C-alpha atoms as a PDB file:
ATOM      1  CA  MET A   1     -64.361 209.271-148.107  1.00  0.00           C
ATOM      2  CA  ASN A   2     -66.149 209.733-144.774  1.00  0.00           C
ATOM      3  CA  ARG A   3     -67.476 213.226-144.073  1.00  0.00           C
ATOM      4  CA  LEU A   4     -67.314 214.212-140.418  1.00  0.00           C
ATOM      5  CA  LEU A   5     -68.691 217.235-138.600  1.00  0.00           C
ATOM      6  CA  ILE A   6     -67.111 218.904-135.586  1.00  0.00           C
ATOM      7  CA  VAL A   7     -69.162 221.379-133.543  1.00  0.00           C
ATOM      8  CA  ASP A   8     -66.693 223.375-131.435  1.00  0.00           C
ATOM      9  CA  ASP A   9     -66.069 227.102-131.009  1.00  0.00           C
ATOM     10  CA  ASP A  10     -62.296 226.565-130.855  1.00  0.00           C
ATOM     11  CA  THR A  11     -61.454 227.413-134.465  1.00  0.00           C
ATOM     12  CA  GLU A  12     -57.770 226.598-134.022  1.00  0.00           C
ATOM     13  CA  LEU A  13     -58.578 223.112-132.735  1.00  0.00           C
ATOM     14  CA  CYS A  14     -61.004 222.520-135.607  1.00  0.00           C
ATOM     15  CA  ALA A  15     -58.387 223.503-138.180  1.00  0.00           C
ATOM     16  CA  LEU A  16     -55.768 221.292-136.526  1.00  0.00           C
ATOM     17  CA  LEU A  17     -58.113 218.299-136.439  1.00  0.00           C
ATOM     18  CA  ALA A  18     -59.207 218.847-140.049  1.00  0.00           C
ATOM     19  CA  GLU A  19     -55.578 218.576-141.132  1.00  0.00           C
ATOM     20  CA  ARG A  20     -54.927 215.545-138.927  1.00  0.00           C
ATOM     21  CA  LEU A  21     -58.046 213.669-140.003  1.00  0.00           C
ATOM     22  CA  ARG A  22     -57.362 214.346-143.671  1.00  0.00           C
ATOM     23  CA  GLU A  23     -54.299 212.115-143.318  1.00  0.00           C
ATOM     24  CA  ASP A  24     -56.639 209.250-142.391  1.00  0.00           C
ATOM     25  CA  GLY A  25     -59.003 209.805-145.292  1.00  0.00           C
ATOM     26  CA  PHE A  26     -61.651 211.903-143.524  1.00  0.00           C
ATOM     27  CA  VAL A  27     -63.130 215.224-144.593  1.00  0.00           C
ATOM     28  CA  LEU A  28     -63.908 217.336-141.532  1.00  0.00           C
ATOM     29  CA  HIS A  29     -66.367 220.222-141.688  1.00  0.00           C
ATOM     30  CA  ALA A  30     -66.793 222.587-138.742  1.00  0.00           C
ATOM     31  CA  ALA A  31     -69.554 224.559-137.087  1.00  0.00           C
ATOM     32  CA  HIS A  32     -68.662 226.993-134.323  1.00  0.00           C
ATOM     33  CA  ASP A  33     -72.007 227.453-132.586  1.00  0.00           C
ATOM     34  CA  GLY A  34     -74.765 225.109-131.476  1.00  0.00           C
ATOM     35  CA  GLN A  35     -77.541 226.299-133.776  1.00  0.00           C
ATOM     36  CA  ARG A  36     -75.438 225.966-136.924  1.00  0.00           C
ATOM     37  CA  GLY A  37     -74.111 222.655-135.624  1.00  0.00           C
ATOM     38  CA  LEU A  38     -77.628 221.270-135.174  1.00  0.00           C
ATOM     39  CA  GLU A  39     -78.588 222.345-138.681  1.00  0.00           C
ATOM     40  CA  LEU A  40     -75.604 220.573-140.231  1.00  0.00           C
ATOM     41  CA  ALA A  41     -75.730 217.508-137.976  1.00  0.00           C
ATOM     42  CA  SER A  42     -79.397 216.970-138.910  1.00  0.00           C
ATOM     43  CA  SER A  43     -78.703 217.147-142.648  1.00  0.00           C
ATOM     44  CA  GLY A  44     -77.841 213.460-143.098  1.00  0.00           C
ATOM     45  CA  GLU A  45     -74.600 214.383-144.883  1.00  0.00           C
ATOM     46  CA  TYR A  46     -72.179 213.224-142.174  1.00  0.00           C
ATOM     47  CA  SER A  47     -70.999 209.799-141.012  1.00  0.00           C
ATOM     48  CA  LEU A  48     -70.247 211.031-137.478  1.00  0.00           C
ATOM     49  CA  VAL A  49     -70.471 214.190-135.372  1.00  0.00           C
ATOM     50  CA  ILE A  50     -67.812 215.360-132.904  1.00  0.00           C
ATOM     51  CA  LEU A  51     -69.607 217.567-130.395  1.00  0.00           C
ATOM     52  CA  ASP A  52     -68.218 219.857-127.692  1.00  0.00           C
ATOM     53  CA  VAL A  53     -70.266 220.441-124.539  1.00  0.00           C
ATOM     54  CA  MET A  54     -69.607 224.198-124.193  1.00  0.00           C
ATOM     55  CA  LEU A  55     -70.963 226.081-127.219  1.00  0.00           C
ATOM     56  CA  PRO A  56     -72.408 229.539-127.960  1.00  0.00           C
ATOM     57  CA  ARG A  57     -76.079 229.971-129.037  1.00  0.00           C
ATOM     58  CA  MET A  58     -76.989 226.407-128.048  1.00  0.00           C
ATOM     59  CA  GLY A  59     -75.171 224.141-125.585  1.00  0.00           C
ATOM     60  CA  GLY A  60     -73.891 220.737-126.606  1.00  0.00           C
ATOM     61  CA  MET A  61     -76.338 218.808-124.406  1.00  0.00           C
ATOM     62  CA  GLU A  62     -79.326 220.734-125.755  1.00  0.00           C
ATOM     63  CA  LEU A  63     -78.062 220.207-129.299  1.00  0.00           C
ATOM     64  CA  LEU A  64     -77.643 216.475-128.714  1.00  0.00           C
ATOM     65  CA  LYS A  65     -81.113 216.103-127.237  1.00  0.00           C
ATOM     66  CA  GLU A  66     -82.689 217.874-130.206  1.00  0.00           C
ATOM     67  CA  LEU A  67     -80.534 215.954-132.678  1.00  0.00           C
ATOM     68  CA  ARG A  68     -81.635 212.621-131.224  1.00  0.00           C
ATOM     69  CA  SER A  69     -85.254 213.514-131.991  1.00  0.00           C
ATOM     70  CA  ARG A  70     -84.252 213.858-135.643  1.00  0.00           C
ATOM     71  CA  SER A  71     -81.300 211.575-136.363  1.00  0.00           C
ATOM     72  CA  SER A  72     -79.347 208.523-135.178  1.00  0.00           C
ATOM     73  CA  VAL A  73     -76.022 209.784-136.574  1.00  0.00           C
ATOM     74  CA  PRO A  74     -73.149 208.663-134.304  1.00  0.00           C
ATOM     75  CA  VAL A  75     -72.019 211.371-131.869  1.00  0.00           C
ATOM     76  CA  LEU A  76     -68.673 211.528-130.068  1.00  0.00           C
ATOM     77  CA  MET A  77     -68.823 214.044-127.210  1.00  0.00           C
ATOM     78  CA  LEU A  78     -65.866 216.173-126.123  1.00  0.00           C
ATOM     79  CA  THR A  79     -66.009 216.807-122.377  1.00  0.00           C
ATOM     80  CA  ALA A  80     -63.859 218.557-119.785  1.00  0.00           C
ATOM     81  CA  ARG A  81     -61.345 216.213-118.196  1.00  0.00           C
ATOM     82  CA  GLY A  82     -62.575 214.980-114.837  1.00  0.00           C
ATOM     83  CA  ASP A  83     -66.173 216.143-115.414  1.00  0.00           C
ATOM     84  CA  GLU A  84     -67.934 212.806-115.012  1.00  0.00           C
ATOM     85  CA  ILE A  85     -71.384 214.416-114.816  1.00  0.00           C
ATOM     86  CA  ASP A  86     -71.100 215.766-118.377  1.00  0.00           C
ATOM     87  CA  ARG A  87     -70.001 212.362-119.609  1.00  0.00           C
ATOM     88  CA  ILE A  88     -72.863 210.476-117.975  1.00  0.00           C
ATOM     89  CA  VAL A  89     -75.472 213.043-119.005  1.00  0.00           C
ATOM     90  CA  GLY A  90     -74.142 213.007-122.571  1.00  0.00           C
ATOM     91  CA  LEU A  91     -74.428 209.237-122.743  1.00  0.00           C
ATOM     92  CA  GLU A  92     -77.909 209.320-121.235  1.00  0.00           C
ATOM     93  CA  VAL A  93     -79.051 211.917-123.759  1.00  0.00           C
ATOM     94  CA  GLY A  94     -77.735 209.846-126.659  1.00  0.00           C
ATOM     95  CA  ALA A  95     -73.997 210.250-127.246  1.00  0.00           C
ATOM     96  CA  ASP A  96     -72.253 207.127-128.543  1.00  0.00           C
ATOM     97  CA  ASP A  97     -68.945 207.762-126.791  1.00  0.00           C
ATOM     98  CA  TYR A  98     -66.978 210.582-125.180  1.00  0.00           C
ATOM     99  CA  LEU A  99     -63.420 211.863-125.086  1.00  0.00           C
ATOM    100  CA  PRO A 100     -62.122 214.204-122.350  1.00  0.00           C
ATOM    101  CA  LYS A 101     -60.235 217.374-123.320  1.00  0.00           C
ATOM    102  CA  PRO A 102     -57.354 217.775-123.781  1.00  0.00           C
ATOM    103  CA  PHE A 103     -56.931 214.631-125.863  1.00  0.00           C
ATOM    104  CA  ASN A 104     -54.398 213.005-128.147  1.00  0.00           C
ATOM    105  CA  PRO A 105     -55.563 213.333-131.780  1.00  0.00           C
ATOM    106  CA  ARG A 106     -54.501 209.724-132.338  1.00  0.00           C
ATOM    107  CA  GLU A 107     -57.027 208.595-129.735  1.00  0.00           C
ATOM    108  CA  LEU A 108     -59.747 210.675-131.400  1.00  0.00           C
ATOM    109  CA  VAL A 109     -58.989 209.012-134.735  1.00  0.00           C
ATOM    110  CA  ALA A 110     -59.036 205.583-133.071  1.00  0.00           C
ATOM    111  CA  ARG A 111     -62.430 206.268-131.445  1.00  0.00           C
ATOM    112  CA  ILE A 112     -63.895 207.510-134.743  1.00  0.00           C
ATOM    113  CA  LYS A 113     -62.607 204.504-136.669  1.00  0.00           C
ATOM    114  CA  ALA A 114     -63.928 202.109-134.015  1.00  0.00           C
ATOM    115  CA  ILE A 115     -67.453 203.526-134.205  1.00  0.00           C
ATOM    116  CA  LEU A 116     -67.503 203.569-138.004  1.00  0.00           C
ATOM    117  CA  ARG A 117     -65.958 200.103-138.251  1.00  0.00           C
ATOM    118  CA  ARG A 118     -68.728 198.657-136.093  1.00  0.00           C
ATOM    119  CA  LEU A 119     -71.291 200.246-138.394  1.00  0.00           C
ATOM    120  CA  ASP A 120     -69.624 198.732-141.467  1.00  0.00           C
ATOM    121  CA  GLU A 121     -69.334 195.289-139.860  1.00  0.00           C
ATOM    122  CA  ARG A 122     -73.020 195.229-139.010  1.00  0.00           C
ATOM    123  CA  ARG A 123     -74.013 196.229-142.537  1.00  0.00           C
ATOM    124  CA  ALA A 124     -71.894 193.395-143.947  1.00  0.00           C
ATOM    125  CA  GLY A 125     -73.462 190.701-141.771  1.00  0.00           C
ATOM    126  CA  PRO A 126     -76.753 188.793-142.012  1.00  0.00           C
ATOM    127  CA  ASP A 127     -79.744 191.088-142.394  1.00  0.00           C
ATOM    128  CA  ARG A 128     -82.104 190.075-139.609  1.00  0.00           C
ATOM    129  CA  PHE A 129     -82.021 188.412-136.187  1.00  0.00           C
ATOM    130  CA  THR A 130     -84.915 187.553-133.883  1.00  0.00           C
ATOM    131  CA  SER A 131     -84.856 186.457-130.260  1.00  0.00           C
ATOM    132  CA  GLY A 132     -88.171 186.165-128.450  1.00  0.00           C
ATOM    133  CA  ASP A 133     -90.063 189.437-128.832  1.00  0.00           C
ATOM    134  CA  ILE A 134     -87.047 191.350-130.208  1.00  0.00           C
ATOM    135  CA  THR A 135     -86.147 191.622-133.912  1.00  0.00           C
ATOM    136  CA  ILE A 136     -83.295 193.616-135.428  1.00  0.00           C
ATOM    137  CA  ASP A 137     -82.566 194.399-139.067  1.00  0.00           C
ATOM    138  CA  ILE A 138     -78.831 194.989-139.489  1.00  0.00           C
ATOM    139  CA  ALA A 139     -78.900 196.466-142.990  1.00  0.00           C
ATOM    140  CA  ALA A 140     -81.720 198.901-142.224  1.00  0.00           C
ATOM    141  CA  ARG A 141     -80.425 199.577-138.670  1.00  0.00           C
ATOM    142  CA  GLU A 142     -83.937 199.128-137.327  1.00  0.00           C
ATOM    143  CA  ALA A 143     -85.200 197.199-134.315  1.00  0.00           C
ATOM    144  CA  TRP A 144     -88.603 196.180-132.991  1.00  0.00           C
ATOM    145  CA  ILE A 145     -89.932 194.779-129.759  1.00  0.00           C
ATOM    146  CA  ASP A 146     -93.205 192.917-129.943  1.00  0.00           C
ATOM    147  CA  GLY A 147     -93.761 194.659-133.281  1.00  0.00           C
ATOM    148  CA  ASN A 148     -93.157 198.151-131.886  1.00  0.00           C
ATOM    149  CA  PRO A 149     -90.261 200.143-133.384  1.00  0.00           C
ATOM    150  CA  LEU A 150     -87.350 200.956-131.084  1.00  0.00           C
ATOM    151  CA  HIS A 151     -85.647 204.320-131.448  1.00  0.00           C
ATOM    152  CA  LEU A 152     -82.014 203.528-130.650  1.00  0.00           C
ATOM    153  CA  THR A 153     -78.711 205.359-130.853  1.00  0.00           C
ATOM    154  CA  THR A 154     -75.868 203.795-132.831  1.00  0.00           C
ATOM    155  CA  ILE A 155     -74.300 202.235-129.742  1.00  0.00           C
ATOM    156  CA  GLU A 156     -77.634 201.093-128.293  1.00  0.00           C
ATOM    157  CA  PHE A 157     -78.312 199.304-131.565  1.00  0.00           C
ATOM    158  CA  ALA A 158     -74.834 197.758-131.488  1.00  0.00           C
ATOM    159  CA  LEU A 159     -75.369 196.582-127.912  1.00  0.00           C
ATOM    160  CA  LEU A 160     -78.776 195.121-128.714  1.00  0.00           C
ATOM    161  CA  GLU A 161     -77.309 193.259-131.681  1.00  0.00           C
ATOM    162  CA  VAL A 162     -74.579 191.712-129.509  1.00  0.00           C
ATOM    163  CA  LEU A 163     -77.111 190.764-126.840  1.00  0.00           C
ATOM    164  CA  VAL A 164     -79.558 189.261-129.349  1.00  0.00           C
ATOM    165  CA  ARG A 165     -76.809 187.220-130.989  1.00  0.00           C
ATOM    166  CA  ASN A 166     -75.887 185.892-127.518  1.00  0.00           C
ATOM    167  CA  ALA A 167     -79.358 185.747-125.926  1.00  0.00           C
ATOM    168  CA  GLY A 168     -79.340 183.890-122.613  1.00  0.00           C
ATOM    169  CA  ARG A 169     -75.570 184.114-122.288  1.00  0.00           C
ATOM    170  CA  ALA A 170     -73.891 186.381-119.709  1.00  0.00           C
ATOM    171  CA  LEU A 171     -71.541 188.841-121.414  1.00  0.00           C
ATOM    172  CA  THR A 172     -68.882 190.734-119.495  1.00  0.00           C
ATOM    173  CA  ARG A 173     -68.586 194.509-119.513  1.00  0.00           C
ATOM    174  CA  GLU A 174     -65.187 194.066-121.190  1.00  0.00           C
ATOM    175  CA  TYR A 175     -66.710 191.995-124.001  1.00  0.00           C
ATOM    176  CA  LEU A 176     -69.597 194.423-124.537  1.00  0.00           C
ATOM    177  CA  THR A 177     -67.287 197.450-124.570  1.00  0.00           C
ATOM    178  CA  ASN A 178     -65.103 195.839-127.200  1.00  0.00           C
ATOM    179  CA  ALA A 179     -68.023 194.548-129.285  1.00  0.00           C
ATOM    180  CA  ALA A 180     -70.136 197.709-129.234  1.00  0.00           C
ATOM    181  CA  LEU A 181     -67.567 200.503-128.838  1.00  0.00           C
ATOM    182  CA  GLY A 182     -64.582 198.854-130.478  1.00  0.00           C
ATOM    183  CA  ARG A 183     -62.188 199.625-127.633  1.00  0.00           C
ATOM    184  CA  LYS A 184     -60.948 198.274-124.326  1.00  0.00           C
ATOM    185  CA  LEU A 185     -62.759 198.918-121.062  1.00  0.00           C
ATOM    186  CA  GLY A 186     -61.044 201.553-118.934  1.00  0.00           C
ATOM    187  CA  VAL A 187     -60.551 201.155-115.200  1.00  0.00           C
ATOM    188  CA  PHE A 188     -63.190 203.739-114.238  1.00  0.00           C
ATOM    189  CA  ASP A 189     -65.145 203.573-117.499  1.00  0.00           C
ATOM    190  CA  ARG A 190     -68.929 203.565-116.942  1.00  0.00           C
ATOM    191  CA  THR A 191     -69.834 204.131-120.598  1.00  0.00           C
ATOM    192  CA  ILE A 192     -71.200 200.650-121.247  1.00  0.00           C
ATOM    193  CA  ASP A 193     -73.242 200.685-118.024  1.00  0.00           C
ATOM    194  CA  VAL A 194     -74.974 203.927-119.013  1.00  0.00           C
ATOM    195  CA  HIS A 195     -75.737 202.568-122.502  1.00  0.00           C
ATOM    196  CA  ILE A 196     -77.111 199.357-120.969  1.00  0.00           C
ATOM    197  CA  SER A 197     -79.285 201.423-118.622  1.00  0.00           C
ATOM    198  CA  ASN A 198     -80.652 203.486-121.525  1.00  0.00           C
ATOM    199  CA  LEU A 199     -81.309 200.392-123.628  1.00  0.00           C
ATOM    200  CA  ARG A 200     -82.973 198.608-120.722  1.00  0.00           C
ATOM    201  CA  LYS A 201     -85.416 201.497-120.264  1.00  0.00           C
ATOM    202  CA  LYS A 202     -86.379 201.454-123.944  1.00  0.00           C
ATOM    203  CA  LEU A 203     -86.940 197.687-123.925  1.00  0.00           C
ATOM    204  CA  ASP A 204     -88.768 197.446-120.627  1.00  0.00           C
ATOM    205  CA  VAL A 205     -91.258 200.201-121.364  1.00  0.00           C
ATOM    206  CA  HIS A 206     -92.961 197.570-123.523  1.00  0.00           C
ATOM    207  CA  ARG A 207     -95.020 195.067-121.479  1.00  0.00           C
ATOM    208  CA  GLY A 208     -92.924 195.564-118.339  1.00  0.00           C
ATOM    209  CA  HIS A 209     -90.622 192.586-118.942  1.00  0.00           C
ATOM    210  CA  ASP A 210     -87.061 192.710-117.562  1.00  0.00           C
ATOM    211  CA  HIS A 211     -85.210 192.082-120.836  1.00  0.00           C
ATOM    212  CA  ILE A 212     -81.630 192.771-119.732  1.00  0.00           C
ATOM    213  CA  LYS A 213     -80.575 191.101-116.518  1.00  0.00           C
ATOM    214  CA  THR A 214     -77.503 191.942-114.468  1.00  0.00           C
ATOM    215  CA  VAL A 215     -75.442 188.864-113.608  1.00  0.00           C
ATOM    216  CA  ARG A 216     -73.416 189.623-110.501  1.00  0.00           C
ATOM    217  CA  GLY A 217     -69.724 189.133-111.155  1.00  0.00           C
ATOM    218  CA  SER A 218     -70.307 188.330-114.834  1.00  0.00           C
ATOM    219  CA  GLY A 219     -72.018 191.197-116.633  1.00  0.00           C
ATOM    220  CA  TYR A 220     -75.314 191.338-118.513  1.00  0.00           C
ATOM    221  CA  LEU A 221     -77.516 188.931-120.432  1.00  0.00           C
ATOM    222  CA  LEU A 222     -80.569 189.294-122.633  1.00  0.00           C
ATOM    223  CA  ALA A 223     -83.669 187.413-121.528  1.00  0.00           C
ATOM    224  CA  PRO A 224     -86.278 188.261-124.192  1.00  0.00           C
ATOM    225  CA  ARG A 225     -89.928 187.576-123.556  1.00  0.00           C
ATOM    226  CA  ARG A 226     -91.107 184.418-125.301  1.00  0.00           C
ATOM    227  CA  ALA A 227     -94.294 184.292-127.353  1.00  0.00           C
ATOM    228  CA  ASN A 228     -96.131 182.102-124.807  1.00  0.00           C
ATOM    229  CA  GLU A 229     -94.887 183.992-121.736  1.00  0.00           C
ATOM    230  CA  GLU A 230     -97.617 185.587-119.640  1.00  0.00           C
ATOM    231  CA  LEU A 231     -97.476 189.327-118.989  1.00  0.00           C
END
């Protein structure tokens, strides 16, 4: 049974979600302030964290930033409807996905299942893939570039896996959203673009090679540096 953590000061919402998620086989624990939430989220006891932006004692963004220095546990952010800045900042700091409030509990369950399903699918596949200077280990959820470890979020790792498996092939934003997030691309959804931007920065800091290229009208493709390629 998957153990989930929600960090939200709305105790009524937490109780309602705990009851709803129990029907789908999840155990939901709650923390109602940022400091307690960070302590629990860092414990390694939870499969996924649901994190509100507005929290007492420590804000959600600050919590997420600190958590990402300690853990790669998947994080689903809860943001105010229409507040695109919070969504983009959350993704840049390391959130895996976001859901605007108020939301339909069925959509929350679907988002949670999509993230966890992608994790399970990767663990069940072949252990290791290499393309040029990039290597990923699916079972260990570790990645390296030119021998240097990459510190990736859950979705960044999922994106890199998809790109490595399809190196040199242009992949649409729709395909990447489905493959990495497990859902359809929304009309104004920039989630995948922010994740690509974050991943690109982490790859390109090594040796200055442009690993992820934007293909106008098509999407993105991975162009790893080859062993004999000059710097």
